[in-house]
Amino acid sequence: MHFESSISLRKLAVTAGFSLVLMALLAGFGYGFAFPKIVISGNPRATLENLQQSEPLFRMVILAFVLILLLDVVVAWAFYFFFKPVDAALSLLAAWLRIVYAALLGTALFPLAQVLPLLKQPGDNGPAMLNSLQSFQTTWSLGLILFGFHLLGLGYLVMKSGRTVPRMLGWLAVLAALCYLFTNTANLVFPDYEAYKARVEGVLSLPMALGELALAVWLLVKGGKRQPAVTTPSRSVA
């Protein structure tokens, strides 16, 4: 017996748009608000004191990243089927890039979670906690390079879609991709980049945020309206 599920482009658009908006809120709280309150760049002592005094907030940061990871997988799935009629091969590649990025984010969360038991252990665990935080940031930064390539593919798909999606949204995604690639490649290649990272990201944060957020709003308001359904692969049940 064969079952075939037909998903309207409108439902895919709403799923992707809602997930992107929720991710933006979680990232704004987890990385934009809470993380800088705990991790003070260039001040290990203050960071350690914040970790010890703000354990519940630190746990909320980890939870926010876990939810972001899950939503990344949902967005990758929704984008794949939404843009599959435009270019199936590129849509699949873009989806896999986002999934691999999510896997790297998950890998980065392991050292972040390892900070929690260290907070309970006696003795000087400061160096181990700082190493775990550094490992998280390095691995996540590596993953964001892949995310930049995902956005390049997404931007091209948007521009190739013709009138399906406004072309300007594709250019915004490409601009965001270039910003992600620049700052995270610099973070990987240049040893002294940490001293300038906050200022650079302060300039690039707006285009990086607009890259997907503008697309998210369009998807929620207009995405997939008056367009045919797409078909997901059928499942066979003996």
Protein backbone atom coordinates (compact mmCIF):
# COMPACT_ATOMS: atom_id res chain seq x y z
CA MET A 1 0.00 0.00 0.00
CA HIS A 2 1.31 3.46 -0.89
CA PHE A 3 0.63 6.71 0.98
CA GLU A 4 1.40 10.06 -0.61
CA SER A 5 1.22 13.29 1.35
CA SER A 6 0.62 16.51 -0.52
CA ILE A 7 1.83 19.68 1.22
CA SER A 8 0.77 23.06 -0.08
CA LEU A 9 3.46 25.63 -0.71
CA ARG A 10 1.50 27.93 1.59
CA LYS A 11 1.86 25.51 4.51
CA LEU A 12 5.58 25.12 3.79
CA ALA A 13 5.98 28.91 3.66
CA VAL A 14 4.17 29.41 6.97
CA THR A 15 6.18 26.62 8.61
CA ALA A 16 9.49 28.10 7.44
CA GLY A 17 8.48 31.68 8.24
CA PHE A 18 7.18 30.91 11.71
CA SER A 19 10.26 28.80 12.50
CA LEU A 20 12.60 31.58 11.34
CA VAL A 21 10.84 34.20 13.45
CA LEU A 22 10.93 31.92 16.49
CA MET A 23 14.62 31.23 15.87
CA ALA A 24 15.29 34.97 15.70
CA LEU A 25 13.60 35.48 19.07
CA LEU A 26 15.53 32.58 20.63
CA ALA A 27 18.82 33.81 19.18
CA GLY A 28 18.07 37.34 20.36
CA PHE A 29 17.58 36.05 23.89
CA GLY A 30 20.24 33.32 23.97
CA TYR A 31 23.12 34.89 22.05
CA GLY A 32 22.15 38.55 21.86
CA PHE A 33 21.06 39.09 25.48
CA ALA A 34 21.99 36.28 27.88
CA PHE A 35 25.33 35.04 26.49
CA PRO A 36 27.06 38.48 26.61
CA LYS A 37 25.83 38.92 30.18
CA ILE A 38 27.71 35.77 31.16
CA VAL A 39 30.71 35.58 28.83
CA ILE A 40 32.81 38.76 29.01
CA SER A 41 35.33 38.78 26.17
CA GLY A 42 38.87 39.33 27.45
CA ASN A 43 37.85 39.03 31.11
CA PRO A 44 38.08 35.39 32.27
CA ARG A 45 37.58 36.28 35.95
CA ALA A 46 34.32 38.14 35.32
CA THR A 47 33.14 35.31 33.08
CA LEU A 48 33.77 32.71 35.79
CA GLU A 49 31.99 34.82 38.38
CA ASN A 50 29.02 35.25 36.04
CA LEU A 51 28.87 31.50 35.40
CA GLN A 52 28.77 30.77 39.11
CA GLN A 53 26.20 33.46 39.87
CA SER A 54 23.95 33.00 36.83
CA GLU A 55 23.63 29.24 36.40
CA PRO A 56 19.84 29.35 35.67
CA LEU A 57 20.43 31.94 32.92
CA PHE A 58 23.25 29.82 31.49
CA ARG A 59 20.92 26.80 31.38
CA MET A 60 18.38 28.92 29.49
CA VAL A 61 21.09 29.78 26.95
CA ILE A 62 21.75 26.10 26.33
CA LEU A 63 18.03 25.40 25.99
CA ALA A 64 17.67 28.26 23.50
CA PHE A 65 20.43 26.80 21.34
CA VAL A 66 18.87 23.32 21.46
CA LEU A 67 15.55 24.75 20.25
CA ILE A 68 17.36 26.71 17.51
CA LEU A 69 19.03 23.49 16.36
CA LEU A 70 15.67 21.71 16.09
CA LEU A 71 14.12 24.63 14.22
CA ASP A 72 17.05 24.67 11.79
CA VAL A 73 16.15 21.11 10.77
CA VAL A 74 12.50 22.11 10.31
CA VAL A 75 13.50 25.11 8.17
CA ALA A 76 15.85 22.97 6.06
CA TRP A 77 12.97 20.54 5.37
CA ALA A 78 10.46 23.29 4.57
CA PHE A 79 12.87 25.21 2.32
CA TYR A 80 13.78 22.05 0.42
CA PHE A 81 10.19 21.32 -0.60
CA PHE A 82 9.31 25.00 -1.11
CA PHE A 83 12.18 25.61 -3.55
CA LYS A 84 12.28 22.11 -5.05
CA PRO A 85 10.14 23.22 -8.07
CA VAL A 86 12.71 25.97 -8.76
CA ASP A 87 15.84 23.76 -8.73
CA ALA A 88 15.62 20.36 -7.07
CA ALA A 89 19.37 19.70 -6.93
CA LEU A 90 20.33 23.09 -5.50
CA SER A 91 17.42 22.98 -3.07
CA LEU A 92 18.65 19.63 -1.78
CA LEU A 93 22.23 20.92 -1.47
CA ALA A 94 21.09 24.01 0.43
CA ALA A 95 19.01 21.84 2.76
CA TRP A 96 21.94 19.52 3.48
CA LEU A 97 24.25 22.47 4.17
CA ARG A 98 21.80 23.71 6.79
CA ILE A 99 21.45 20.25 8.33
CA VAL A 100 25.23 19.81 8.54
CA TYR A 101 25.43 23.27 10.11
CA ALA A 102 22.83 22.16 12.67
CA ALA A 103 24.91 19.05 13.37
CA LEU A 104 27.97 21.23 14.03
CA LEU A 105 25.91 23.43 16.33
CA GLY A 106 24.86 20.28 18.19
CA THR A 107 28.52 19.25 18.45
CA ALA A 108 29.37 22.71 19.81
CA LEU A 109 26.72 22.36 22.51
CA PHE A 110 28.47 19.37 24.11
CA PRO A 111 31.36 21.42 25.58
CA LEU A 112 28.87 24.12 26.52
CA ALA A 113 26.83 21.58 28.51
CA GLN A 114 30.02 20.28 30.13
CA VAL A 115 30.32 23.59 31.98
CA LEU A 116 27.29 22.69 34.14
CA PRO A 117 28.87 19.79 36.12
CA LEU A 118 32.07 21.81 36.50
CA LEU A 119 30.08 24.48 38.35
CA LYS A 120 29.19 21.90 41.02
CA GLN A 121 32.67 20.45 41.46
CA PRO A 122 35.04 21.81 44.14
CA GLY A 123 38.40 23.25 43.26
CA ASP A 124 39.61 25.56 40.53
CA ASN A 125 37.68 24.51 37.43
CA GLY A 126 38.01 27.92 35.82
CA PRO A 127 40.45 26.91 33.05
CA ALA A 128 38.31 23.90 32.09
CA MET A 129 35.15 26.01 31.92
CA LEU A 130 36.86 28.68 29.82
CA ASN A 131 38.20 26.00 27.47
CA SER A 132 34.69 24.60 27.09
CA LEU A 133 33.31 28.03 26.23
CA GLN A 134 36.10 28.59 23.70
CA SER A 135 35.47 25.19 22.14
CA PHE A 136 31.78 26.03 21.76
CA GLN A 137 32.48 29.36 20.07
CA THR A 138 35.12 27.91 17.73
CA THR A 139 32.99 24.96 16.60
CA TRP A 140 29.90 27.10 16.15
CA SER A 141 31.88 29.66 14.15
CA LEU A 142 33.05 26.85 11.87
CA GLY A 143 29.44 25.77 11.44
CA LEU A 144 28.40 29.32 10.56
CA ILE A 145 30.71 29.19 7.55
CA LEU A 146 28.56 26.35 6.22
CA PHE A 147 25.49 28.37 7.14
CA GLY A 148 26.86 31.18 4.98
CA PHE A 149 27.08 28.81 2.00
CA HIS A 150 23.52 27.68 2.74
CA LEU A 151 22.38 31.31 2.52
CA LEU A 152 24.22 31.73 -0.79
CA GLY A 153 22.29 28.79 -2.20
CA LEU A 154 19.05 30.09 -0.72
CA GLY A 155 19.62 33.53 -2.19
CA TYR A 156 20.24 32.05 -5.63
CA LEU A 157 17.09 29.94 -5.36
CA VAL A 158 15.06 33.03 -4.46
CA MET A 159 16.43 34.97 -7.44
CA LYS A 160 15.93 31.99 -9.76
CA SER A 161 12.30 31.60 -8.66
CA GLY A 162 11.21 34.47 -10.90
CA ARG A 163 8.05 36.07 -9.59
CA THR A 164 7.49 33.39 -6.95
CA VAL A 165 9.62 35.26 -4.37
CA PRO A 166 10.73 38.93 -4.63
CA ARG A 167 14.24 39.11 -6.09
CA MET A 168 15.33 41.65 -3.46
CA LEU A 169 14.96 38.98 -0.77
CA GLY A 170 17.48 36.88 -2.66
CA TRP A 171 19.99 39.73 -2.69
CA LEU A 172 19.47 40.24 1.06
CA ALA A 173 20.18 36.54 1.64
CA VAL A 174 23.35 36.75 -0.47
CA LEU A 175 24.51 39.85 1.44
CA ALA A 176 23.88 38.07 4.74
CA ALA A 177 25.79 35.05 3.44
CA LEU A 178 28.83 37.17 2.58
CA CYS A 179 28.75 38.74 6.05
CA TYR A 180 28.60 35.32 7.75
CA LEU A 181 31.42 34.01 5.56
CA PHE A 182 33.62 37.05 6.16
CA THR A 183 33.37 37.29 9.95
CA ASN A 184 33.54 33.55 10.67
CA THR A 185 36.35 32.87 8.19
CA ALA A 186 38.29 35.77 9.71
CA ASN A 187 37.62 34.31 13.16
CA LEU A 188 39.13 31.02 11.99
CA VAL A 189 42.09 32.39 10.01
CA PHE A 190 43.28 35.48 11.91
CA PRO A 191 44.55 34.93 15.48
CA ASP A 192 43.99 38.57 16.49
CA TYR A 193 40.48 38.82 15.05
CA GLU A 194 38.90 38.40 18.50
CA ALA A 195 40.00 41.94 19.37
CA TYR A 196 37.96 43.34 16.46
CA LYS A 197 35.15 40.78 16.29
CA ALA A 198 32.65 42.68 18.43
CA ARG A 199 33.01 45.86 16.35
CA VAL A 200 32.85 44.00 13.03
CA GLU A 201 29.77 42.02 14.05
CA GLY A 202 28.18 45.22 15.33
CA VAL A 203 28.33 46.53 11.75
CA LEU A 204 27.38 43.25 10.07
CA SER A 205 24.65 42.20 12.49
CA LEU A 206 21.89 44.11 10.67
CA PRO A 207 22.45 42.59 7.20
CA MET A 208 22.98 39.15 8.77
CA ALA A 209 19.65 39.41 10.60
CA LEU A 210 17.76 40.85 7.62
CA GLY A 211 18.95 38.05 5.34
CA GLU A 212 16.45 35.56 6.72
CA LEU A 213 14.13 37.74 8.76
CA ALA A 214 12.87 39.67 5.72
CA LEU A 215 12.28 36.37 3.95
CA ALA A 216 10.49 35.04 7.04
CA VAL A 217 8.05 37.95 7.07
CA TRP A 218 7.35 37.54 3.35
CA LEU A 219 6.79 33.79 3.79
CA LEU A 220 4.30 34.40 6.60
CA VAL A 221 2.38 37.10 4.72
CA LYS A 222 2.50 36.03 1.08
CA GLY A 223 4.57 32.89 0.65
CA GLY A 224 2.96 30.09 -1.35
CA LYS A 225 -0.39 31.79 -1.93
CA ARG A 226 -2.25 30.75 -5.07
CA GLN A 227 0.40 28.19 -5.91
CA PRO A 228 0.03 24.43 -6.45
CA ALA A 229 0.84 21.78 -3.90
CA VAL A 230 4.10 19.90 -3.89
CA THR A 231 4.38 16.21 -3.19
CA THR A 232 6.66 14.66 -0.63
CA PRO A 233 8.17 11.22 -1.30
CA SER A 234 5.67 8.40 -0.87
CA ARG A 235 6.02 5.84 1.89
CA SER A 236 5.44 2.18 1.35
CA VAL A 237 3.84 0.01 3.98
CA ALA A 238 3.82 -3.71 3.49
